[in-house]
Structure formats: structure tokens, C-alpha cells
Amino acid sequence: MLEELHAKSEARATPPGGWADDAVVRRTPDAAAVFLSVVLTTFLVASSAPTPLYRVYQASWHLSSGTVTVVYGVYCLSVLVALLTVGALSDHVGRRPVIGAALALEALSMLLFLQAGGVTSLILARTLQGLATGAATSALGAALLDVTRRWGPLFVSIAPLIGMALGTIGTSLLMDLIPAHLGTVYALLFSALAAQMLGLAFLPESRPPRPGAWLSLRPRIRAPRSGRRVLLVTAPVFVAVWALGGFYLSLGPDLVQGITGSASSTADGLIVSLLTASAVPAVLLTRHADAGRTALGGSLLLTTGVAVTLLAAHRDSSTALYVGTAVAGAGFGPAFQGGVRLVTANVLATERAGLMAAIYTITYTSMCFPVLVTGLLVGEYGLLHCTLFFGIFVMALSLTPFAGVGKFSTHTSSRGTA
């Protein structure tokens, strides 16, 4: 199947309008790839920064685990709204305007976090942050693919992982080092976003404007035909990977406390950081491997790690918890990166933002709804039982693509290989 798609992509290497990918790469300095990766990472740092603070919010405002997952769910829903409306906007107006607007909105959300005095203000801040993140991720992902076809999929895969790890462990360390100023992380992020808004002014535009901007705002998922069949095959992997990430980002601190009995902020941040940080070296080691085998191998590791984590929850073993999390993380990265490489290998440059929006729609839906349902059920069935059911759900999805393993290509396009 993918061999046929690869052949078609060769015939369509130059998109309409005369802006061949090679021309875009030549006109864009290498520094642009680094800058775009840093900006994307910053958005993901900001998205995970509140996680270690959830325990503080719970204690200060008397929130339940269900309320915490609602706050997290509101963020994910806001991301989805942005992806479904402005996800493909940068394909029409250019990457820079969309990225600039998202940076401004994200900076505003940091100010709201600093002033948050209750669950209502926290939900408002999370809502604005979700809208900004949704607008930014598809535009930044598409811009990275514009700038470097070889490394773009790799950057798109590891930037969220690095960002999530830095956000949680960074906030945790700041909480322990400066306990009297819990909003320090938001002030630092605001400063970084402001600096990036200035840096954006020097970034060359990688995609020229074209008609259809208003029509592109109609809510829909825009998976191009050239990548649609591959996306259907890899979708269960994306769901499994990011549902697990959402669980750690929302209920991870409760799980750590339930198993280890620790109330340390660093321990809360470490468990999420371990999941995502262990994914980065795994992604780097498999970046030249066949994309289909990478995705399937990552899925198998993810399943194994979740199984060990469930055993840890059953036996109250902190060692098994961290080992299982690390193994799951080692599968988390390759599973997602392999899937991204497969799906993006044969699409036109003018379809990239829409495709990235479709991928992120799947990931953020996965991060939101399964976790939201799990959090609401914790009060009735307990964290242990809900963790068990959630883990089984993730493992089942991780193994689903093995039934269609023959549909994965043994030869991926060199342009999509990172």
C-alpha cells in the first residue's frame, strides 16, 4: 500500500504555485529549524507545567481528582477546538501569522495562571492555553516539515516529549527550591514566550499565502487522501500513546502518592518526566529504522511497560512503577514517531498543516476523553481499579495495529525518514 503512495508522491513533489519543497529549504536558514523546535517545545513545556501544581490546587481549593481531570479536560477540548477550526489556517495565510497569534495568546494565559485564585480562573487560563496550543502545534509542525523534510518528523516527534518532561520536572524543582513563589514557572514561561515573539519577526516565511483562508475555518478534520489510509492504520497507536500521556499528566501525581506514599513535588514531576524523557533516546535510536517496524516495536514496548506499571499498582512497588514507566516511555516515542513518519511521508507541502491538525486532533482527543472518564470514575471505584481498566484499554489499542502489520511499508520515502 505505501509503496503505491510513495510512487505517487514522487510524481507530485512540486506543489501548485511553484514553491517546490527544495526551494523552501534553500531559502530558509538552518537556524529556523532550531527556532521552530524551541518554540514548539516551549508550548509543550507550558502545557505540562501545571501538573505538579495540581496537588497544591487540590489542597488550597479543596478539589477532587475528578475536578482536576475536568480542568485538564478543558485544556484538551480547547486544543481540539483550535485544531478543528484554525488547524489548516497557516496553509493559507502563512506560518508566521498563526504562530505569532498563538504566542500572544499563550503569553496571556501565563498571566492568568499567575493571577488564578480558584478553579474558575484556572479553567479560564487552561482554556486560553488550549486554544493557543492547538493553533500553534499544527502551524509549527507544518513549518518544521517545510524547513527540513529529513529532520522535520523527528523534531515534531521529540519536541512534545522534551517539552512535557521539562515542564513537569522544571515546575517540581521550582516548587521545592522556591516554595513561597509557586507562580515562578509561569513568569519564566511568559518571558520566554515574549522573547520568541520578537524572534519570530526574523523568521523567513516558509509558506506563501494562498486563497481559501475563510473556508479553512470550517470545523473539520482535513486528512489528505494521500495519507488517509495510513492514518487509519496508525490511529490506534496514536490513541494509546497519548491516552497514556494524558493519564500521567492528570492523575500521575495521585498514582505516585498512592503507590509510594510520597507527597514530594519532585516525585510528582519525575514520574511524568520519566515517561517522556525515556522516549527521546528511543526515538533517536530508531530514527533511521523502517517506520512501520518502529511504530509496531514501540507499541510492543508500550504494552510491556503498562503491564509492569499495573503490577506495580497492584503490589505497591515504587521500583516497578518507575521501571514500568521507563519501559512504556521507551515505546511511547518510537510508536508516535514511526506513525508520524508513515503518515507524513507522501503528502504535499500545501497539505501539511491540515494533516498535522488531523494527527493532533487524534492525540488530544486521546489525551482528553479517556482520562476525563477515568478521573470521574475514581471517586466511585478508586484509583487502583480505574488505573487497571485504563491500562487494559491502552494495551489493547497498542496491539491493534499488529493485525494489519502487512499494510506497513518496508520502504519509506527518504524524504520522510528522520
Protein backbone atom coordinates (compact mmCIF):
# COMPACT_ATOMS: atom_id res chain seq x y z
CA MET A 1 0.00 0.00 0.00
CA LEU A 2 2.64 2.51 1.00
CA GLU A 3 4.83 1.64 -1.97
CA GLU A 4 1.98 2.87 -4.20
CA LEU A 5 1.68 6.06 -2.17
CA HIS A 6 5.43 6.61 -2.38
CA ALA A 7 5.30 6.34 -6.18
CA LYS A 8 2.51 8.89 -6.32
CA SER A 9 4.41 11.27 -4.08
CA GLU A 10 7.38 11.28 -6.44
CA ALA A 11 5.11 12.50 -9.23
CA ARG A 12 3.76 15.26 -7.01
CA ALA A 13 6.99 16.51 -5.45
CA THR A 14 6.36 20.10 -6.59
CA PRO A 15 3.14 21.58 -5.19
CA PRO A 16 0.94 24.01 -7.08
CA GLY A 17 2.14 27.56 -7.13
CA GLY A 18 5.77 26.80 -7.98
CA TRP A 19 7.03 26.60 -4.37
CA ALA A 20 8.91 23.32 -4.52
CA ASP A 21 10.00 21.95 -1.16
CA ASP A 22 13.67 22.20 -2.12
CA ALA A 23 13.23 25.91 -2.84
CA VAL A 24 11.68 26.48 0.54
CA VAL A 25 14.50 24.63 2.29
CA ARG A 26 17.16 26.59 0.41
CA ARG A 27 15.54 29.92 1.22
CA THR A 28 15.17 29.15 4.89
CA PRO A 29 18.26 29.23 7.16
CA ASP A 30 19.11 26.20 9.27
CA ALA A 31 18.60 28.32 12.37
CA ALA A 32 14.87 28.41 11.56
CA ALA A 33 14.55 24.70 12.34
CA VAL A 34 16.16 25.21 15.73
CA PHE A 35 14.00 28.24 16.50
CA LEU A 36 10.77 26.47 15.50
CA SER A 37 11.71 23.42 17.58
CA VAL A 38 12.37 25.63 20.62
CA VAL A 39 9.02 27.39 20.19
CA LEU A 40 7.15 24.09 19.85
CA THR A 41 8.96 22.74 22.90
CA THR A 42 8.03 25.86 24.89
CA PHE A 43 4.34 25.34 24.16
CA LEU A 44 4.57 21.77 25.43
CA VAL A 45 6.59 22.87 28.48
CA ALA A 46 3.77 25.26 29.31
CA SER A 47 1.13 22.58 28.75
CA SER A 48 2.65 20.23 31.34
CA ALA A 49 3.88 22.87 33.81
CA PRO A 50 0.65 22.92 35.87
CA THR A 51 0.71 19.14 36.53
CA PRO A 52 2.91 19.20 39.69
CA LEU A 53 0.84 22.14 40.95
CA TYR A 54 -2.41 20.18 40.84
CA ARG A 55 -1.75 18.79 44.30
CA VAL A 56 -1.34 22.37 45.61
CA TYR A 57 -4.54 23.45 43.88
CA GLN A 58 -6.37 20.46 45.35
CA ALA A 59 -5.24 21.30 48.87
CA SER A 60 -5.81 25.06 48.58
CA TRP A 61 -9.18 24.97 46.83
CA HIS A 62 -10.42 21.57 48.11
CA LEU A 63 -10.63 19.98 44.67
CA SER A 64 -11.30 16.31 43.96
CA SER A 65 -9.42 14.14 41.48
CA GLY A 66 -12.45 14.40 39.21
CA THR A 67 -12.26 18.20 39.24
CA VAL A 68 -8.57 18.07 38.37
CA THR A 69 -9.28 15.89 35.35
CA VAL A 70 -12.04 18.31 34.33
CA VAL A 71 -9.52 21.17 34.38
CA TYR A 72 -7.17 19.06 32.29
CA GLY A 73 -10.03 18.01 30.02
CA VAL A 74 -11.00 21.63 29.37
CA TYR A 75 -7.47 22.26 28.14
CA CYS A 76 -7.60 19.31 25.75
CA LEU A 77 -11.04 20.29 24.46
CA SER A 78 -9.79 23.81 23.77
CA VAL A 79 -6.87 22.38 21.82
CA LEU A 80 -9.33 20.34 19.76
CA VAL A 81 -11.50 23.39 19.03
CA ALA A 82 -8.46 25.24 17.73
CA LEU A 83 -7.26 22.29 15.67
CA LEU A 84 -10.65 21.78 14.06
CA THR A 85 -11.02 25.46 13.13
CA VAL A 86 -7.62 27.09 12.59
CA GLY A 87 -5.61 23.88 12.20
CA ALA A 88 -5.11 24.40 8.45
CA LEU A 89 -5.14 28.22 8.50
CA SER A 90 -1.36 28.52 8.12
CA ASP A 91 -1.61 26.65 4.80
CA HIS A 92 -3.46 29.74 3.52
CA VAL A 93 -2.18 32.80 5.42
CA GLY A 94 1.37 31.59 6.07
CA ARG A 95 3.00 30.06 9.13
CA ARG A 96 4.25 33.24 10.85
CA PRO A 97 0.88 34.99 11.44
CA VAL A 98 -0.63 31.90 13.05
CA ILE A 99 2.44 31.22 15.21
CA GLY A 100 2.60 34.86 16.29
CA ALA A 101 -1.06 34.96 17.35
CA ALA A 102 -0.65 31.68 19.25
CA LEU A 103 2.40 33.02 21.11
CA ALA A 104 0.46 36.12 22.19
CA LEU A 105 -2.50 34.06 23.43
CA GLU A 106 -0.19 31.65 25.27
CA ALA A 107 1.56 34.57 26.98
CA LEU A 108 -1.83 35.89 28.11
CA SER A 109 -2.69 32.51 29.60
CA MET A 110 0.53 32.58 31.64
CA LEU A 111 -0.59 35.90 33.16
CA LEU A 112 -3.95 34.34 34.03
CA PHE A 113 -2.23 31.40 35.71
CA LEU A 114 -0.23 33.85 37.80
CA GLN A 115 -3.44 35.54 38.97
CA ALA A 116 -5.51 32.35 39.42
CA GLY A 117 -7.38 32.32 42.72
CA GLY A 118 -9.78 29.42 42.23
CA VAL A 119 -10.95 26.69 39.91
CA THR A 120 -12.86 29.12 37.65
CA SER A 121 -9.79 31.23 36.87
CA LEU A 122 -7.74 28.05 36.45
CA ILE A 123 -10.22 26.75 33.88
CA LEU A 124 -10.13 30.08 32.03
CA ALA A 125 -6.34 30.03 31.89
CA ARG A 126 -6.34 26.42 30.71
CA THR A 127 -8.94 27.26 28.04
CA LEU A 128 -6.87 30.08 26.54
CA GLN A 129 -3.76 27.94 26.75
CA GLY A 130 -5.51 25.13 24.90
CA LEU A 131 -6.63 27.44 22.10
CA ALA A 132 -3.10 28.79 21.74
CA THR A 133 -1.51 25.34 21.77
CA GLY A 134 -3.93 23.97 19.20
CA ALA A 135 -3.28 26.86 16.84
CA ALA A 136 0.47 26.64 17.33
CA THR A 137 1.11 22.90 17.09
CA SER A 138 -0.24 22.37 13.59
CA ALA A 139 1.42 25.55 12.24
CA LEU A 140 4.74 24.81 13.93
CA GLY A 141 4.67 21.16 12.87
CA ALA A 142 3.96 22.15 9.28
CA ALA A 143 6.67 24.84 9.38
CA LEU A 144 9.22 22.30 10.58
CA LEU A 145 8.29 19.98 7.72
CA ASP A 146 8.65 22.95 5.34
CA VAL A 147 12.12 23.78 6.62
CA THR A 148 13.57 20.28 6.80
CA ARG A 149 11.92 17.26 5.29
CA ARG A 150 14.63 14.99 6.64
CA TRP A 151 14.53 16.11 10.27
CA GLY A 152 11.03 17.58 10.42
CA PRO A 153 9.22 14.39 11.51
CA LEU A 154 11.91 13.79 14.14
CA PHE A 155 11.57 17.31 15.58
CA VAL A 156 7.78 17.03 15.55
CA SER A 157 8.05 13.75 17.45
CA ILE A 158 10.60 14.68 20.13
CA ALA A 159 9.66 18.32 20.82
CA PRO A 160 6.44 17.35 22.67
CA LEU A 161 8.35 14.68 24.62
CA ILE A 162 11.11 17.06 25.68
CA GLY A 163 8.59 19.78 26.44
CA MET A 164 6.42 17.58 28.64
CA ALA A 165 9.46 16.31 30.54
CA LEU A 166 10.91 19.80 31.11
CA GLY A 167 7.55 21.24 32.10
CA THR A 168 6.84 18.77 34.87
CA ILE A 169 10.32 18.36 36.32
CA GLY A 170 11.06 22.08 35.98
CA THR A 171 7.93 23.07 37.87
CA SER A 172 8.61 20.44 40.53
CA LEU A 173 12.15 21.67 41.14
CA LEU A 174 10.99 25.29 41.33
CA MET A 175 8.31 24.30 43.85
CA ASP A 176 10.94 22.69 46.08
CA LEU A 177 13.52 25.45 45.61
CA ILE A 178 11.17 28.45 45.83
CA PRO A 179 8.09 27.19 47.74
CA ALA A 180 6.95 30.73 48.57
CA HIS A 181 6.62 31.64 44.88
CA LEU A 182 4.73 28.84 43.17
CA GLY A 183 3.97 31.01 40.16
CA THR A 184 7.64 31.39 39.21
CA VAL A 185 7.31 28.88 36.37
CA TYR A 186 4.55 30.95 34.76
CA ALA A 187 6.62 34.13 34.96
CA LEU A 188 9.59 32.37 33.34
CA LEU A 189 7.40 30.97 30.59
CA PHE A 190 5.87 34.39 29.93
CA SER A 191 9.36 35.83 29.48
CA ALA A 192 10.35 33.03 27.10
CA LEU A 193 7.20 33.50 25.02
CA ALA A 194 7.76 37.25 24.81
CA ALA A 195 11.32 36.68 23.57
CA GLN A 196 10.08 34.21 20.98
CA MET A 197 7.54 36.73 19.69
CA LEU A 198 10.45 39.05 18.99
CA GLY A 199 12.46 36.26 17.38
CA LEU A 200 9.55 35.40 15.11
CA ALA A 201 9.99 38.76 13.35
CA PHE A 202 13.31 37.50 11.94
CA LEU A 203 11.98 34.13 10.78
CA PRO A 204 11.55 33.78 6.99
CA GLU A 205 8.07 32.73 5.89
CA SER A 206 8.15 29.15 4.61
CA ARG A 207 4.72 29.03 3.01
CA PRO A 208 3.28 31.79 0.77
CA PRO A 209 -0.34 32.91 1.22
CA ARG A 210 -2.98 31.34 -0.98
CA PRO A 211 -6.78 31.66 -1.24
CA GLY A 212 -9.25 29.79 0.94
CA ALA A 213 -8.43 31.09 4.43
CA TRP A 214 -12.05 31.72 5.45
CA LEU A 215 -13.23 28.37 4.11
CA SER A 216 -10.44 26.64 6.00
CA LEU A 217 -12.02 27.78 9.31
CA ARG A 218 -14.96 25.42 8.89
CA PRO A 219 -14.65 22.75 11.63
CA ARG A 220 -13.46 19.55 10.02
CA ILE A 221 -10.61 17.06 10.06
CA ARG A 222 -8.53 17.55 6.94
CA ALA A 223 -6.58 14.33 6.43
CA PRO A 224 -5.36 14.42 2.80
CA ARG A 225 -6.24 11.43 0.67
CA SER A 226 -2.59 10.51 0.20
CA GLY A 227 -2.14 9.89 3.92
CA ARG A 228 -5.63 8.84 4.94
CA ARG A 229 -5.27 5.07 4.71
CA VAL A 230 -2.01 5.10 6.64
CA LEU A 231 -3.55 7.36 9.28
CA LEU A 232 -6.40 4.88 9.82
CA VAL A 233 -3.90 2.08 10.42
CA THR A 234 -1.74 4.09 12.82
CA ALA A 235 -4.58 5.87 14.66
CA PRO A 236 -4.87 3.21 17.44
CA VAL A 237 -1.16 3.72 18.18
CA PHE A 238 -1.62 7.48 18.49
CA VAL A 239 -4.62 6.96 20.77
CA ALA A 240 -2.78 4.52 23.04
CA VAL A 241 0.34 6.66 23.29
CA TRP A 242 -1.35 9.92 24.11
CA ALA A 243 -4.07 8.46 26.31
CA LEU A 244 -1.25 7.17 28.48
CA GLY A 245 0.42 10.59 28.39
CA GLY A 246 -2.83 12.25 29.44
CA PHE A 247 -3.20 9.84 32.35
CA TYR A 248 0.26 10.68 33.67
CA LEU A 249 -0.27 14.42 33.18
CA SER A 250 -3.52 14.46 35.14
CA LEU A 251 -3.58 11.52 37.55
CA GLY A 252 0.15 10.75 37.66
CA PRO A 253 0.74 12.60 40.97
CA ASP A 254 -2.17 10.72 42.60
CA LEU A 255 -0.78 7.41 41.35
CA VAL A 256 2.68 8.19 42.75
CA GLN A 257 1.25 9.09 46.13
CA GLY A 258 -0.99 6.01 46.17
CA ILE A 259 1.88 3.61 45.42
CA THR A 260 4.85 5.24 47.13
CA GLY A 261 3.10 7.30 49.81
CA SER A 262 5.32 10.24 48.80
CA ALA A 263 3.93 13.78 48.72
CA SER A 264 7.09 15.24 47.17
CA SER A 265 6.67 17.71 44.32
CA THR A 266 9.81 16.32 42.71
CA ALA A 267 8.39 12.80 42.78
CA ASP A 268 5.22 14.06 41.09
CA GLY A 269 7.20 15.71 38.32
CA LEU A 270 9.66 12.85 37.98
CA ILE A 271 7.06 10.25 37.04
CA VAL A 272 5.79 12.29 34.07
CA SER A 273 9.30 13.34 33.06
CA LEU A 274 10.48 9.72 33.17
CA LEU A 275 7.75 8.67 30.76
CA THR A 276 8.57 11.33 28.19
CA ALA A 277 12.33 11.67 28.75
CA SER A 278 12.91 7.93 28.24
CA ALA A 279 11.10 8.28 24.92
CA VAL A 280 13.66 10.72 23.50
CA PRO A 281 16.71 8.38 23.26
CA ALA A 282 14.43 5.64 21.92
CA VAL A 283 13.28 8.00 19.16
CA LEU A 284 16.86 8.94 18.30
CA LEU A 285 17.97 5.30 18.16
CA THR A 286 15.13 4.30 15.82
CA ARG A 287 15.06 7.37 13.57
CA HIS A 288 16.71 5.54 10.66
CA ALA A 289 14.77 2.30 11.11
CA ASP A 290 11.82 1.31 8.96
CA ALA A 291 8.87 3.46 10.05
CA GLY A 292 6.35 0.62 10.21
CA ARG A 293 8.58 -1.61 12.31
CA THR A 294 9.45 1.34 14.54
CA ALA A 295 5.77 2.01 15.24
CA LEU A 296 4.99 -1.63 15.92
CA GLY A 297 8.08 -2.17 18.07
CA GLY A 298 7.23 0.92 20.08
CA SER A 299 3.69 -0.36 20.57
CA LEU A 300 5.03 -3.64 21.95
CA LEU A 301 7.33 -1.82 24.40
CA LEU A 302 4.47 0.46 25.44
CA THR A 303 2.29 -2.56 26.19
CA THR A 304 5.04 -4.20 28.23
CA GLY A 305 5.68 -1.04 30.25
CA VAL A 306 1.99 -0.55 31.04
CA ALA A 307 1.74 -4.17 32.18
CA VAL A 308 4.66 -3.65 34.58
CA THR A 309 3.09 -0.41 35.84
CA LEU A 310 -0.20 -2.20 36.55
CA LEU A 311 1.76 -4.83 38.50
CA ALA A 312 3.39 -2.01 40.47
CA ALA A 313 -0.02 -0.55 41.34
CA HIS A 314 -1.27 -3.96 42.47
CA ARG A 315 1.77 -4.67 44.68
CA ASP A 316 2.52 -1.09 45.81
CA SER A 317 6.01 -1.33 44.35
CA SER A 318 7.66 2.02 43.68
CA THR A 319 10.56 0.31 41.89
CA ALA A 320 8.22 -1.46 39.47
CA LEU A 321 6.34 1.81 38.94
CA TYR A 322 9.42 3.64 37.74
CA VAL A 323 10.69 0.67 35.70
CA GLY A 324 7.31 0.23 34.02
CA THR A 325 7.07 3.94 33.29
CA ALA A 326 10.55 3.98 31.74
CA VAL A 327 9.78 0.96 29.54
CA ALA A 328 6.45 2.46 28.47
CA GLY A 329 8.27 5.69 27.64
CA ALA A 330 10.81 3.80 25.52
CA GLY A 331 7.87 2.58 23.46
CA PHE A 332 5.95 5.86 23.64
CA GLY A 333 8.46 7.75 21.49
CA PRO A 334 9.11 5.25 18.67
CA ALA A 335 5.41 4.37 18.41
CA PHE A 336 4.47 8.00 17.84
CA GLN A 337 7.49 8.90 15.70
CA GLY A 338 7.10 5.85 13.49
CA GLY A 339 3.45 6.69 12.98
CA VAL A 340 4.20 10.32 12.13
CA ARG A 341 6.85 9.26 9.62
CA LEU A 342 4.45 6.86 7.95
CA VAL A 343 1.60 9.33 7.70
CA THR A 344 3.62 12.35 6.53
CA ALA A 345 5.85 10.54 4.03
CA ASN A 346 3.73 11.12 0.93
CA VAL A 347 1.77 14.35 1.32
CA LEU A 348 2.04 17.66 -0.48
CA ALA A 349 3.54 20.70 1.24
CA THR A 350 0.20 22.52 0.94
CA GLU A 351 -1.50 19.69 2.87
CA ARG A 352 0.93 19.52 5.80
CA ALA A 353 -0.78 21.82 8.30
CA GLY A 354 -4.11 20.13 7.72
CA LEU A 355 -2.53 16.71 8.18
CA MET A 356 -0.71 17.77 11.34
CA ALA A 357 -4.01 19.15 12.64
CA ALA A 358 -5.63 15.76 11.99
CA ILE A 359 -2.83 13.96 13.84
CA TYR A 360 -3.01 16.36 16.78
CA THR A 361 -6.81 16.08 16.81
CA ILE A 362 -6.42 12.36 17.39
CA THR A 363 -3.74 12.83 20.04
CA TYR A 364 -5.57 15.49 22.04
CA THR A 365 -8.87 13.63 21.84
CA SER A 366 -7.00 10.66 23.24
CA MET A 367 -5.43 12.76 25.99
CA CYS A 368 -8.82 14.19 26.95
CA PHE A 369 -11.79 11.84 26.91
CA PRO A 370 -10.36 8.56 28.27
CA VAL A 371 -8.65 10.43 31.11
CA LEU A 372 -11.73 12.55 31.83
CA VAL A 373 -13.92 9.45 32.13
CA THR A 374 -11.30 7.74 34.30
CA GLY A 375 -10.99 10.75 36.63
CA LEU A 376 -14.75 10.97 37.11
CA LEU A 377 -14.89 7.26 37.99
CA VAL A 378 -12.05 7.41 40.52
CA GLY A 379 -14.35 8.69 43.26
CA GLU A 380 -16.67 5.69 42.87
CA TYR A 381 -14.31 2.84 42.03
CA GLY A 382 -10.98 4.02 43.41
CA LEU A 383 -7.71 4.91 41.70
CA LEU A 384 -6.36 1.34 41.66
CA HIS A 385 -9.31 -0.17 39.80
CA CYS A 386 -9.54 2.75 37.37
CA THR A 387 -5.82 2.50 36.66
CA LEU A 388 -6.26 -1.20 35.89
CA PHE A 389 -9.11 -0.61 33.44
CA PHE A 390 -7.25 2.28 31.82
CA GLY A 391 -4.10 0.20 31.41
CA ILE A 392 -6.00 -2.64 29.75
CA PHE A 393 -7.58 -0.11 27.38
CA VAL A 394 -4.15 1.27 26.41
CA MET A 395 -2.61 -2.17 25.93
CA ALA A 396 -5.47 -3.34 23.72
CA LEU A 397 -5.10 -0.31 21.45
CA SER A 398 -1.32 -0.67 21.33
CA LEU A 399 -1.63 -4.19 19.97
CA THR A 400 -4.40 -3.41 17.46
CA PRO A 401 -2.07 -2.43 14.53
CA PHE A 402 -0.39 -5.85 14.64
CA ALA A 403 -3.49 -7.27 12.93
CA GLY A 404 -2.72 -5.06 9.91
CA VAL A 405 1.06 -5.28 10.00
CA GLY A 406 1.20 -6.13 6.31
CA LYS A 407 -0.11 -2.68 5.48
CA PHE A 408 3.00 -1.03 6.85
CA SER A 409 5.68 -0.20 4.31
CA THR A 410 9.08 -1.84 4.42
CA HIS A 411 10.37 1.05 2.33
CA THR A 412 9.65 4.59 3.44
CA SER A 413 10.42 7.67 1.44
CA SER A 414 13.88 9.02 2.17
CA ARG A 415 12.27 12.44 2.46
CA GLY A 416 10.13 11.30 5.33
CA THR A 417 12.85 9.38 7.13
CA ALA A 418 14.35 11.20 10.05
